[in-house]
């Protein structure tokens, strides 16, 4: 989630490099904008590297106490009679 800063730097650098026209000879805004864009790209790359390193850690998706609530053991009040769940178009014709 650290990519926002890198993207923002790239946008600001692009605006400075390509949208602003300046004729002063002291500072070339195109070069400054491109340098800021490169800084944003570096920040994106570093944030990617940091996030990729976090994959090695084990992530606990379900807390153990919550997991204890869901079991696959049958309940005490199981149904005593069988229920036929066969679709009607597959069942054989019943004799009358």
PDB file of N, CA and C in Angstrom:
ATOM      1  N   UNK A   1       0.816  -1.198   0.000  1.00  0.00           N
ATOM      2  CA  UNK A   1       0.000   0.000   0.000  1.00  0.00           C
ATOM      3  C   UNK A   1       0.860   1.263   0.000  1.00  0.00           C
ATOM      4  N   UNK A   2       2.138   1.117  -0.277  1.00  0.00           N
ATOM      5  CA  UNK A   2       3.025   2.274  -0.291  1.00  0.00           C
ATOM      6  C   UNK A   2       3.206   2.828  -1.690  1.00  0.00           C
ATOM      7  N   UNK A   3       2.437   2.347  -2.628  1.00  0.00           N
ATOM      8  CA  UNK A   3       2.636   2.781  -4.003  1.00  0.00           C
ATOM      9  C   UNK A   3       2.069   4.174  -4.268  1.00  0.00           C
ATOM     10  N   UNK A   4       1.208   4.672  -3.385  1.00  0.00           N
ATOM     11  CA  UNK A   4       0.580   5.968  -3.625  1.00  0.00           C
ATOM     12  C   UNK A   4       1.618   7.078  -3.756  1.00  0.00           C
ATOM     13  N   UNK A   5       2.622   7.047  -2.923  1.00  0.00           N
ATOM     14  CA  UNK A   5       3.662   8.081  -2.971  1.00  0.00           C
ATOM     15  C   UNK A   5       4.438   8.036  -4.261  1.00  0.00           C
ATOM     16  N   UNK A   6       4.752   6.836  -4.731  1.00  0.00           N
ATOM     17  CA  UNK A   6       5.480   6.698  -5.989  1.00  0.00           C
ATOM     18  C   UNK A   6       4.661   7.181  -7.175  1.00  0.00           C
ATOM     19  N   UNK A   7       3.396   6.838  -7.182  1.00  0.00           N
ATOM     20  CA  UNK A   7       2.528   7.288  -8.276  1.00  0.00           C
ATOM     21  C   UNK A   7       2.371   8.803  -8.239  1.00  0.00           C
ATOM     22  N   UNK A   8       2.231   9.353  -7.039  1.00  0.00           N
ATOM     23  CA  UNK A   8       2.093  10.805  -6.913  1.00  0.00           C
ATOM     24  C   UNK A   8       3.357  11.515  -7.410  1.00  0.00           C
ATOM     25  N   UNK A   9       4.523  10.986  -7.073  1.00  0.00           N
ATOM     26  CA  UNK A   9       5.770  11.588  -7.561  1.00  0.00           C
ATOM     27  C   UNK A   9       5.856  11.521  -9.081  1.00  0.00           C
ATOM     28  N   UNK A  10       5.426  10.424  -9.652  1.00  0.00           N
ATOM     29  CA  UNK A  10       5.474  10.303 -11.112  1.00  0.00           C
ATOM     30  C   UNK A  10       4.521  11.285 -11.782  1.00  0.00           C
ATOM     31  N   UNK A  11       3.347  11.489 -11.189  1.00  0.00           N
ATOM     32  CA  UNK A  11       2.378  12.428 -11.763  1.00  0.00           C
ATOM     33  C   UNK A  11       2.906  13.857 -11.663  1.00  0.00           C
ATOM     34  N   UNK A  12       3.428  14.214 -10.497  1.00  0.00           N
ATOM     35  CA  UNK A  12       3.960  15.568 -10.320  1.00  0.00           C
ATOM     36  C   UNK A  12       5.141  15.795 -11.252  1.00  0.00           C
ATOM     37  N   UNK A  13       6.013  14.804 -11.371  1.00  0.00           N
ATOM     38  CA  UNK A  13       7.151  14.929 -12.282  1.00  0.00           C
ATOM     39  C   UNK A  13       6.712  15.085 -13.729  1.00  0.00           C
ATOM     40  N   UNK A  14       5.682  14.341 -14.126  1.00  0.00           N
ATOM     41  CA  UNK A  14       5.179  14.462 -15.502  1.00  0.00           C
ATOM     42  C   UNK A  14       4.577  15.838 -15.739  1.00  0.00           C
ATOM     43  N   UNK A  15       3.859  16.359 -14.744  1.00  0.00           N
ATOM     44  CA  UNK A  15       3.296  17.706 -14.896  1.00  0.00           C
ATOM     45  C   UNK A  15       4.399  18.747 -15.025  1.00  0.00           C
ATOM     46  N   UNK A  16       5.426  18.631 -14.214  1.00  0.00           N
ATOM     47  CA  UNK A  16       6.523  19.598 -14.290  1.00  0.00           C
ATOM     48  C   UNK A  16       7.275  19.454 -15.606  1.00  0.00           C
ATOM     49  N   UNK A  17       7.506  18.227 -16.048  1.00  0.00           N
ATOM     50  CA  UNK A  17       8.303  18.004 -17.249  1.00  0.00           C
ATOM     51  C   UNK A  17       7.561  18.371 -18.528  1.00  0.00           C
ATOM     52  N   UNK A  18       6.284  18.060 -18.603  1.00  0.00           N
ATOM     53  CA  UNK A  18       5.593  18.190 -19.878  1.00  0.00           C
ATOM     54  C   UNK A  18       4.532  19.287 -19.934  1.00  0.00           C
ATOM     55  N   UNK A  19       4.037  19.748 -18.799  1.00  0.00           N
ATOM     56  CA  UNK A  19       2.933  20.704 -18.828  1.00  0.00           C
ATOM     57  C   UNK A  19       3.378  22.138 -18.592  1.00  0.00           C
ATOM     58  N   UNK A  20       4.527  22.329 -17.985  1.00  0.00           N
ATOM     59  CA  UNK A  20       4.973  23.686 -17.669  1.00  0.00           C
ATOM     60  C   UNK A  20       6.024  24.115 -18.682  1.00  0.00           C
ATOM     61  N   UNK A  21       5.793  25.256 -19.298  1.00  0.00           N
ATOM     62  CA  UNK A  21       6.756  25.836 -20.236  1.00  0.00           C
ATOM     63  C   UNK A  21       7.437  27.009 -19.542  1.00  0.00           C
ATOM     64  N   UNK A  22       8.748  26.906 -19.428  1.00  0.00           N
ATOM     65  CA  UNK A  22       9.505  27.975 -18.780  1.00  0.00           C
ATOM     66  C   UNK A  22      10.717  28.284 -19.641  1.00  0.00           C
ATOM     67  N   UNK A  23      10.981  29.554 -19.835  1.00  0.00           N
ATOM     68  CA  UNK A  23      12.086  29.960 -20.691  1.00  0.00           C
ATOM     69  C   UNK A  23      13.300  30.421 -19.900  1.00  0.00           C
ATOM     70  N   UNK A  24      13.284  30.295 -18.580  1.00  0.00           N
ATOM     71  CA  UNK A  24      14.446  30.717 -17.797  1.00  0.00           C
ATOM     72  C   UNK A  24      15.600  29.747 -18.041  1.00  0.00           C
ATOM     73  N   UNK A  25      16.800  30.280 -18.022  1.00  0.00           N
ATOM     74  CA  UNK A  25      17.959  29.460 -18.328  1.00  0.00           C
ATOM     75  C   UNK A  25      18.609  28.885 -17.067  1.00  0.00           C
ATOM     76  N   UNK A  26      18.128  29.263 -15.908  1.00  0.00           N
ATOM     77  CA  UNK A  26      18.739  28.775 -14.662  1.00  0.00           C
ATOM     78  C   UNK A  26      18.417  27.298 -14.420  1.00  0.00           C
ATOM     79  N   UNK A  27      17.147  26.943 -14.479  1.00  0.00           N
ATOM     80  CA  UNK A  27      16.703  25.578 -14.179  1.00  0.00           C
ATOM     81  C   UNK A  27      15.900  25.053 -15.353  1.00  0.00           C
ATOM     82  N   UNK A  28      16.276  23.875 -15.813  1.00  0.00           N
ATOM     83  CA  UNK A  28      15.512  23.231 -16.877  1.00  0.00           C
ATOM     84  C   UNK A  28      14.429  22.370 -16.225  1.00  0.00           C
ATOM     85  N   UNK A  29      13.178  22.812 -16.313  1.00  0.00           N
ATOM     86  CA  UNK A  29      12.086  22.107 -15.641  1.00  0.00           C
ATOM     87  C   UNK A  29      11.826  20.726 -16.243  1.00  0.00           C
ATOM     88  N   UNK A  30      12.174  20.537 -17.486  1.00  0.00           N
ATOM     89  CA  UNK A  30      12.000  19.205 -18.080  1.00  0.00           C
ATOM     90  C   UNK A  30      12.905  18.197 -17.381  1.00  0.00           C
ATOM     91  N   UNK A  31      14.141  18.584 -17.111  1.00  0.00           N
ATOM     92  CA  UNK A  31      15.073  17.682 -16.426  1.00  0.00           C
ATOM     93  C   UNK A  31      14.621  17.445 -14.993  1.00  0.00           C
ATOM     94  N   UNK A  32      14.170  18.497 -14.309  1.00  0.00           N
ATOM     95  CA  UNK A  32      13.692  18.353 -12.937  1.00  0.00           C
ATOM     96  C   UNK A  32      12.492  17.409 -12.898  1.00  0.00           C
ATOM     97  N   UNK A  33      11.564  17.566 -13.814  1.00  0.00           N
ATOM     98  CA  UNK A  33      10.386  16.697 -13.866  1.00  0.00           C
ATOM     99  C   UNK A  33      10.753  15.255 -14.127  1.00  0.00           C
ATOM    100  N   UNK A  34      11.690  15.025 -15.042  1.00  0.00           N
ATOM    101  CA  UNK A  34      12.109  13.653 -15.336  1.00  0.00           C
ATOM    102  C   UNK A  34      12.808  13.043 -14.128  1.00  0.00           C
ATOM    103  N   UNK A  35      13.614  13.824 -13.411  1.00  0.00           N
ATOM    104  CA  UNK A  35      14.263  13.314 -12.200  1.00  0.00           C
ATOM    105  C   UNK A  35      13.234  12.951 -11.128  1.00  0.00           C
ATOM    106  N   UNK A  36      12.195  13.759 -10.988  1.00  0.00           N
ATOM    107  CA  UNK A  36      11.137  13.452 -10.018  1.00  0.00           C
ATOM    108  C   UNK A  36      10.388  12.185 -10.441  1.00  0.00           C
ATOM    109  N   UNK A  37      10.148  12.028 -11.747  1.00  0.00           N
ATOM    110  CA  UNK A  37       9.496  10.816 -12.232  1.00  0.00           C
ATOM    111  C   UNK A  37      10.356   9.584 -11.967  1.00  0.00           C
ATOM    112  N   UNK A  38      11.663   9.692 -12.141  1.00  0.00           N
ATOM    113  CA  UNK A  38      12.555   8.573 -11.838  1.00  0.00           C
ATOM    114  C   UNK A  38      12.533   8.248 -10.348  1.00  0.00           C
ATOM    115  N   UNK A  39      12.445   9.282  -9.507  1.00  0.00           N
ATOM    116  CA  UNK A  39      12.324   9.055  -8.074  1.00  0.00           C
ATOM    117  C   UNK A  39      11.034   8.310  -7.741  1.00  0.00           C
ATOM    118  N   UNK A  40       9.943   8.659  -8.410  1.00  0.00           N
ATOM    119  CA  UNK A  40       8.684   7.951  -8.207  1.00  0.00           C
ATOM    120  C   UNK A  40       8.767   6.507  -8.654  1.00  0.00           C
ATOM    121  N   UNK A  41       9.449   6.266  -9.774  1.00  0.00           N
ATOM    122  CA  UNK A  41       9.611   4.887 -10.245  1.00  0.00           C
ATOM    123  C   UNK A  41      10.452   4.082  -9.259  1.00  0.00           C
ATOM    124  N   UNK A  42      11.486   4.694  -8.697  1.00  0.00           N
ATOM    125  CA  UNK A  42      12.297   4.009  -7.686  1.00  0.00           C
ATOM    126  C   UNK A  42      11.479   3.685  -6.448  1.00  0.00           C
ATOM    127  N   UNK A  43      10.637   4.618  -6.051  1.00  0.00           N
ATOM    128  CA  UNK A  43       9.794   4.367  -4.873  1.00  0.00           C
ATOM    129  C   UNK A  43       8.816   3.223  -5.138  1.00  0.00           C
ATOM    130  N   UNK A  44       8.254   3.171  -6.344  1.00  0.00           N
ATOM    131  CA  UNK A  44       7.379   2.052  -6.705  1.00  0.00           C
ATOM    132  C   UNK A  44       8.136   0.731  -6.636  1.00  0.00           C
ATOM    133  N   UNK A  45       9.354   0.710  -7.158  1.00  0.00           N
ATOM    134  CA  UNK A  45      10.137  -0.512  -7.168  1.00  0.00           C
ATOM    135  C   UNK A  45      10.460  -0.950  -5.745  1.00  0.00           C
ATOM    136  N   UNK A  46      10.880  -0.008  -4.890  1.00  0.00           N
ATOM    137  CA  UNK A  46      11.193  -0.346  -3.503  1.00  0.00           C
ATOM    138  C   UNK A  46       9.959  -0.840  -2.750  1.00  0.00           C
ATOM    139  N   UNK A  47       8.817  -0.211  -2.995  1.00  0.00           N
ATOM    140  CA  UNK A  47       7.608  -0.665  -2.297  1.00  0.00           C
ATOM    141  C   UNK A  47       7.220  -2.064  -2.761  1.00  0.00           C
ATOM    142  N   UNK A  48       7.437  -2.367  -4.034  1.00  0.00           N
ATOM    143  CA  UNK A  48       7.170  -3.717  -4.530  1.00  0.00           C
ATOM    144  C   UNK A  48       8.089  -4.727  -3.844  1.00  0.00           C
ATOM    145  N   UNK A  49       9.358  -4.384  -3.720  1.00  0.00           N
ATOM    146  CA  UNK A  49      10.313  -5.283  -3.080  1.00  0.00           C
ATOM    147  C   UNK A  49       9.956  -5.512  -1.611  1.00  0.00           C
ATOM    148  N   UNK A  50       9.521  -4.469  -0.920  1.00  0.00           N
ATOM    149  CA  UNK A  50       9.149  -4.615   0.484  1.00  0.00           C
ATOM    150  C   UNK A  50       7.913  -5.501   0.640  1.00  0.00           C
ATOM    151  N   UNK A  51       6.919  -5.327  -0.236  1.00  0.00           N
ATOM    152  CA  UNK A  51       5.704  -6.135  -0.150  1.00  0.00           C
ATOM    153  C   UNK A  51       5.981  -7.585  -0.528  1.00  0.00           C
ATOM    154  N   UNK A  52       6.883  -7.805  -1.463  1.00  0.00           N
ATOM    155  CA  UNK A  52       7.204  -9.164  -1.871  1.00  0.00           C
ATOM    156  C   UNK A  52       7.890  -9.929  -0.744  1.00  0.00           C
ATOM    157  N   UNK A  53       8.650  -9.252   0.073  1.00  0.00           N
ATOM    158  CA  UNK A  53       9.322  -9.890   1.187  1.00  0.00           C
ATOM    159  C   UNK A  53       8.371 -10.311   2.289  1.00  0.00           C
ATOM    160  N   UNK A  54       7.193  -9.720   2.352  1.00  0.00           N
ATOM    161  CA  UNK A  54       6.221 -10.059   3.388  1.00  0.00           C
ATOM    162  C   UNK A  54       5.498 -11.366   3.106  1.00  0.00           C
ATOM    163  N   UNK A  55       5.622 -11.917   1.903  1.00  0.00           N
ATOM    164  CA  UNK A  55       4.920 -13.145   1.548  1.00  0.00           C
ATOM    165  C   UNK A  55       5.440 -14.349   2.323  1.00  0.00           C
ATOM    166  N   UNK A  56       6.659 -14.262   2.853  1.00  0.00           N
ATOM    167  CA  UNK A  56       7.234 -15.390   3.573  1.00  0.00           C
ATOM    168  C   UNK A  56       6.564 -15.615   4.919  1.00  0.00           C
ATOM    169  N   UNK A  57       5.959 -14.580   5.464  1.00  0.00           N
ATOM    170  CA  UNK A  57       5.325 -14.707   6.764  1.00  0.00           C
ATOM    171  C   UNK A  57       4.018 -15.489   6.643  1.00  0.00           C
ATOM    172  N   UNK A  58       3.693 -16.237   7.682  1.00  0.00           N
ATOM    173  CA  UNK A  58       2.446 -16.989   7.679  1.00  0.00           C
ATOM    174  C   UNK A  58       1.313 -16.066   8.116  1.00  0.00           C
ATOM    175  N   UNK A  59       0.267 -16.039   7.354  1.00  0.00           N
ATOM    176  CA  UNK A  59      -0.874 -15.180   7.649  1.00  0.00           C
ATOM    177  C   UNK A  59      -1.981 -16.044   8.241  1.00  0.00           C
ATOM    178  N   UNK A  60      -2.501 -15.630   9.369  1.00  0.00           N
ATOM    179  CA  UNK A  60      -3.576 -16.363  10.020  1.00  0.00           C
ATOM    180  C   UNK A  60      -4.907 -15.826   9.499  1.00  0.00           C
ATOM    181  N   UNK A  61      -5.594 -16.634   8.687  1.00  0.00           N
ATOM    182  CA  UNK A  61      -6.826 -16.183   8.073  1.00  0.00           C
ATOM    183  C   UNK A  61      -8.015 -16.293   9.009  1.00  0.00           C
ATOM    184  N   UNK A  62      -8.100 -17.392   9.744  1.00  0.00           N
ATOM    185  CA  UNK A  62      -9.212 -17.599  10.672  1.00  0.00           C
ATOM    186  C   UNK A  62      -8.624 -17.742  12.060  1.00  0.00           C
ATOM    187  N   UNK A  63      -9.154 -17.000  12.983  1.00  0.00           N
ATOM    188  CA  UNK A  63      -8.669 -17.107  14.354  1.00  0.00           C
ATOM    189  C   UNK A  63      -9.076 -18.456  14.928  1.00  0.00           C
ATOM    190  N   UNK A  64      -8.228 -19.057  15.753  1.00  0.00           N
ATOM    191  CA  UNK A  64      -8.540 -20.401  16.269  1.00  0.00           C
ATOM    192  C   UNK A  64      -9.868 -20.484  17.001  1.00  0.00           C
ATOM    193  N   UNK A  65     -10.246 -19.472  17.782  1.00  0.00           N
ATOM    194  CA  UNK A  65     -11.513 -19.544  18.513  1.00  0.00           C
ATOM    195  C   UNK A  65     -12.697 -19.540  17.554  1.00  0.00           C
ATOM    196  N   UNK A  66     -12.580 -18.826  16.456  1.00  0.00           N
ATOM    197  CA  UNK A  66     -13.655 -18.814  15.466  1.00  0.00           C
ATOM    198  C   UNK A  66     -13.711 -20.163  14.761  1.00  0.00           C
ATOM    199  N   UNK A  67     -12.550 -20.732  14.499  1.00  0.00           N
ATOM    200  CA  UNK A  67     -12.501 -22.016  13.804  1.00  0.00           C
ATOM    201  C   UNK A  67     -13.110 -23.142  14.632  1.00  0.00           C
ATOM    202  N   UNK A  68     -13.037 -23.051  15.956  1.00  0.00           N
ATOM    203  CA  UNK A  68     -13.603 -24.075  16.820  1.00  0.00           C
ATOM    204  C   UNK A  68     -15.128 -24.148  16.694  1.00  0.00           C
ATOM    205  N   UNK A  69     -15.754 -23.067  16.266  1.00  0.00           N
ATOM    206  CA  UNK A  69     -17.211 -23.055  16.143  1.00  0.00           C
ATOM    207  C   UNK A  69     -17.693 -23.947  15.011  1.00  0.00           C
ATOM    208  N   UNK A  70     -16.859 -24.129  14.007  1.00  0.00           N
ATOM    209  CA  UNK A  70     -17.270 -24.866  12.825  1.00  0.00           C
ATOM    210  C   UNK A  70     -16.613 -26.238  12.829  1.00  0.00           C
ATOM    211  N   UNK A  71     -17.394 -27.262  13.077  1.00  0.00           N
ATOM    212  CA  UNK A  71     -16.874 -28.623  13.090  1.00  0.00           C
ATOM    213  C   UNK A  71     -17.627 -29.452  12.068  1.00  0.00           C
ATOM    214  N   UNK A  72     -17.053 -30.573  11.725  1.00  0.00           N
ATOM    215  CA  UNK A  72     -17.698 -31.468  10.762  1.00  0.00           C
ATOM    216  C   UNK A  72     -18.312 -32.679  11.445  1.00  0.00           C
ATOM    217  N   UNK A  73     -18.325 -32.699  12.752  1.00  0.00           N
ATOM    218  CA  UNK A  73     -18.924 -33.810  13.485  1.00  0.00           C
ATOM    219  C   UNK A  73     -20.450 -33.707  13.404  1.00  0.00           C
ATOM    220  N   UNK A  74     -21.146 -34.852  13.318  1.00  0.00           N
ATOM    221  CA  UNK A  74     -22.609 -34.804  13.237  1.00  0.00           C
ATOM    222  C   UNK A  74     -23.218 -34.298  14.549  1.00  0.00           C
ATOM    223  N   UNK A  75     -24.347 -33.666  14.420  1.00  0.00           N
ATOM    224  CA  UNK A  75     -25.041 -33.144  15.589  1.00  0.00           C
ATOM    225  C   UNK A  75     -25.715 -34.277  16.367  1.00  0.00           C
ATOM    226  N   UNK A  76     -26.075 -33.988  17.593  1.00  0.00           N
ATOM    227  CA  UNK A  76     -26.747 -34.971  18.431  1.00  0.00           C
ATOM    228  C   UNK A  76     -28.169 -35.252  17.931  1.00  0.00           C
ATOM    229  N   UNK A  77     -28.779 -34.277  17.312  1.00  0.00           N
ATOM    230  CA  UNK A  77     -30.168 -34.409  16.884  1.00  0.00           C
ATOM    231  C   UNK A  77     -30.242 -34.758  15.398  1.00  0.00           C
ATOM    232  N   UNK A  78     -29.484 -35.748  14.974  1.00  0.00           N
ATOM    233  CA  UNK A  78     -29.469 -36.148  13.571  1.00  0.00           C
ATOM    234  C   UNK A  78     -30.848 -36.659  13.148  1.00  0.00           C
ATOM    235  N   UNK A  79     -31.167 -36.520  11.888  1.00  0.00           N
ATOM    236  CA  UNK A  79     -32.447 -36.954  11.353  1.00  0.00           C
ATOM    237  C   UNK A  79     -32.500 -38.480  11.346  1.00  0.00           C
ATOM    238  N   UNK A  80     -33.612 -39.033  11.777  1.00  0.00           N
ATOM    239  CA  UNK A  80     -33.746 -40.478  11.899  1.00  0.00           C
ATOM    240  C   UNK A  80     -34.157 -41.144  10.582  1.00  0.00           C
ATOM    241  N   UNK A  81     -34.837 -40.436   9.709  1.00  0.00           N
ATOM    242  CA  UNK A  81     -35.291 -41.041   8.464  1.00  0.00           C
ATOM    243  C   UNK A  81     -34.535 -40.451   7.283  1.00  0.00           C
ATOM    244  N   UNK A  82     -34.441 -41.227   6.237  1.00  0.00           N
ATOM    245  CA  UNK A  82     -33.723 -40.807   5.045  1.00  0.00           C
ATOM    246  C   UNK A  82     -34.572 -39.839   4.225  1.00  0.00           C
ATOM    247  N   UNK A  83     -33.932 -38.901   3.618  1.00  0.00           N
ATOM    248  CA  UNK A  83     -34.612 -37.942   2.748  1.00  0.00           C
ATOM    249  C   UNK A  83     -34.130 -38.195   1.328  1.00  0.00           C
ATOM    250  N   UNK A  84     -35.082 -38.381   0.407  1.00  0.00           N
ATOM    251  CA  UNK A  84     -34.733 -38.625  -0.984  1.00  0.00           C
ATOM    252  C   UNK A  84     -34.562 -37.287  -1.695  1.00  0.00           C
ATOM    253  N   UNK A  85     -33.362 -37.024  -2.171  1.00  0.00           N
ATOM    254  CA  UNK A  85     -33.079 -35.749  -2.834  1.00  0.00           C
ATOM    255  C   UNK A  85     -32.865 -35.925  -4.335  1.00  0.00           C
ATOM    256  N   UNK A  86     -33.269 -37.082  -4.866  1.00  0.00           N
ATOM    257  CA  UNK A  86     -33.129 -37.335  -6.293  1.00  0.00           C
ATOM    258  C   UNK A  86     -34.082 -36.435  -7.070  1.00  0.00           C
ATOM    259  N   UNK A  87     -33.615 -35.764  -8.127  1.00  0.00           N
ATOM    260  CA  UNK A  87     -34.507 -34.917  -8.920  1.00  0.00           C
ATOM    261  C   UNK A  87     -35.647 -35.732  -9.532  1.00  0.00           C
ATOM    262  N   UNK A  88     -36.806 -35.106  -9.684  1.00  0.00           N
ATOM    263  CA  UNK A  88     -38.010 -35.826 -10.118  1.00  0.00           C
ATOM    264  C   UNK A  88     -37.889 -36.375 -11.535  1.00  0.00           C
ATOM    265  N   UNK A  89     -37.135 -35.764 -12.390  1.00  0.00           N
ATOM    266  CA  UNK A  89     -37.032 -36.266 -13.760  1.00  0.00           C
ATOM    267  C   UNK A  89     -36.094 -37.483 -13.838  1.00  0.00           C
ATOM    268  N   UNK A  90     -35.369 -37.782 -12.786  1.00  0.00           N
ATOM    269  CA  UNK A  90     -34.482 -38.945 -12.769  1.00  0.00           C
ATOM    270  C   UNK A  90     -35.129 -40.120 -12.027  1.00  0.00           C
ATOM    271  N   UNK A  91     -36.049 -39.844 -11.112  1.00  0.00           N
ATOM    272  CA  UNK A  91     -36.678 -40.901 -10.330  1.00  0.00           C
ATOM    273  C   UNK A  91     -37.474 -41.834 -11.239  1.00  0.00           C
ATOM    274  N   UNK A  92     -37.462 -43.115 -10.937  1.00  0.00           N
ATOM    275  CA  UNK A  92     -38.286 -44.049 -11.736  1.00  0.00           C
ATOM    276  C   UNK A  92     -39.766 -43.783 -11.441  1.00  0.00           C
ATOM    277  N   UNK A  93     -40.612 -44.110 -12.409  1.00  0.00           N
ATOM    278  CA  UNK A  93     -42.046 -43.910 -12.259  1.00  0.00           C
ATOM    279  C   UNK A  93     -42.561 -44.770 -11.120  1.00  0.00           C
ATOM    280  N   UNK A  94     -43.340 -44.185 -10.222  1.00  0.00           N
ATOM    281  CA  UNK A  94     -43.861 -44.934  -9.083  1.00  0.00           C
ATOM    282  C   UNK A  94     -45.122 -45.695  -9.498  1.00  0.00           C
ATOM    283  N   UNK A  95     -45.266 -46.911  -8.992  1.00  0.00           N
ATOM    284  CA  UNK A  95     -46.437 -47.708  -9.295  1.00  0.00           C
ATOM    285  C   UNK A  95     -47.587 -47.291  -8.394  1.00  0.00           C
ATOM    286  N   UNK A  96     -48.789 -47.300  -8.946  1.00  0.00           N
ATOM    287  CA  UNK A  96     -49.959 -46.899  -8.164  1.00  0.00           C
ATOM    288  C   UNK A  96     -50.879 -48.029  -7.952  1.00  0.00           C
TER     289      UNK A  96
END
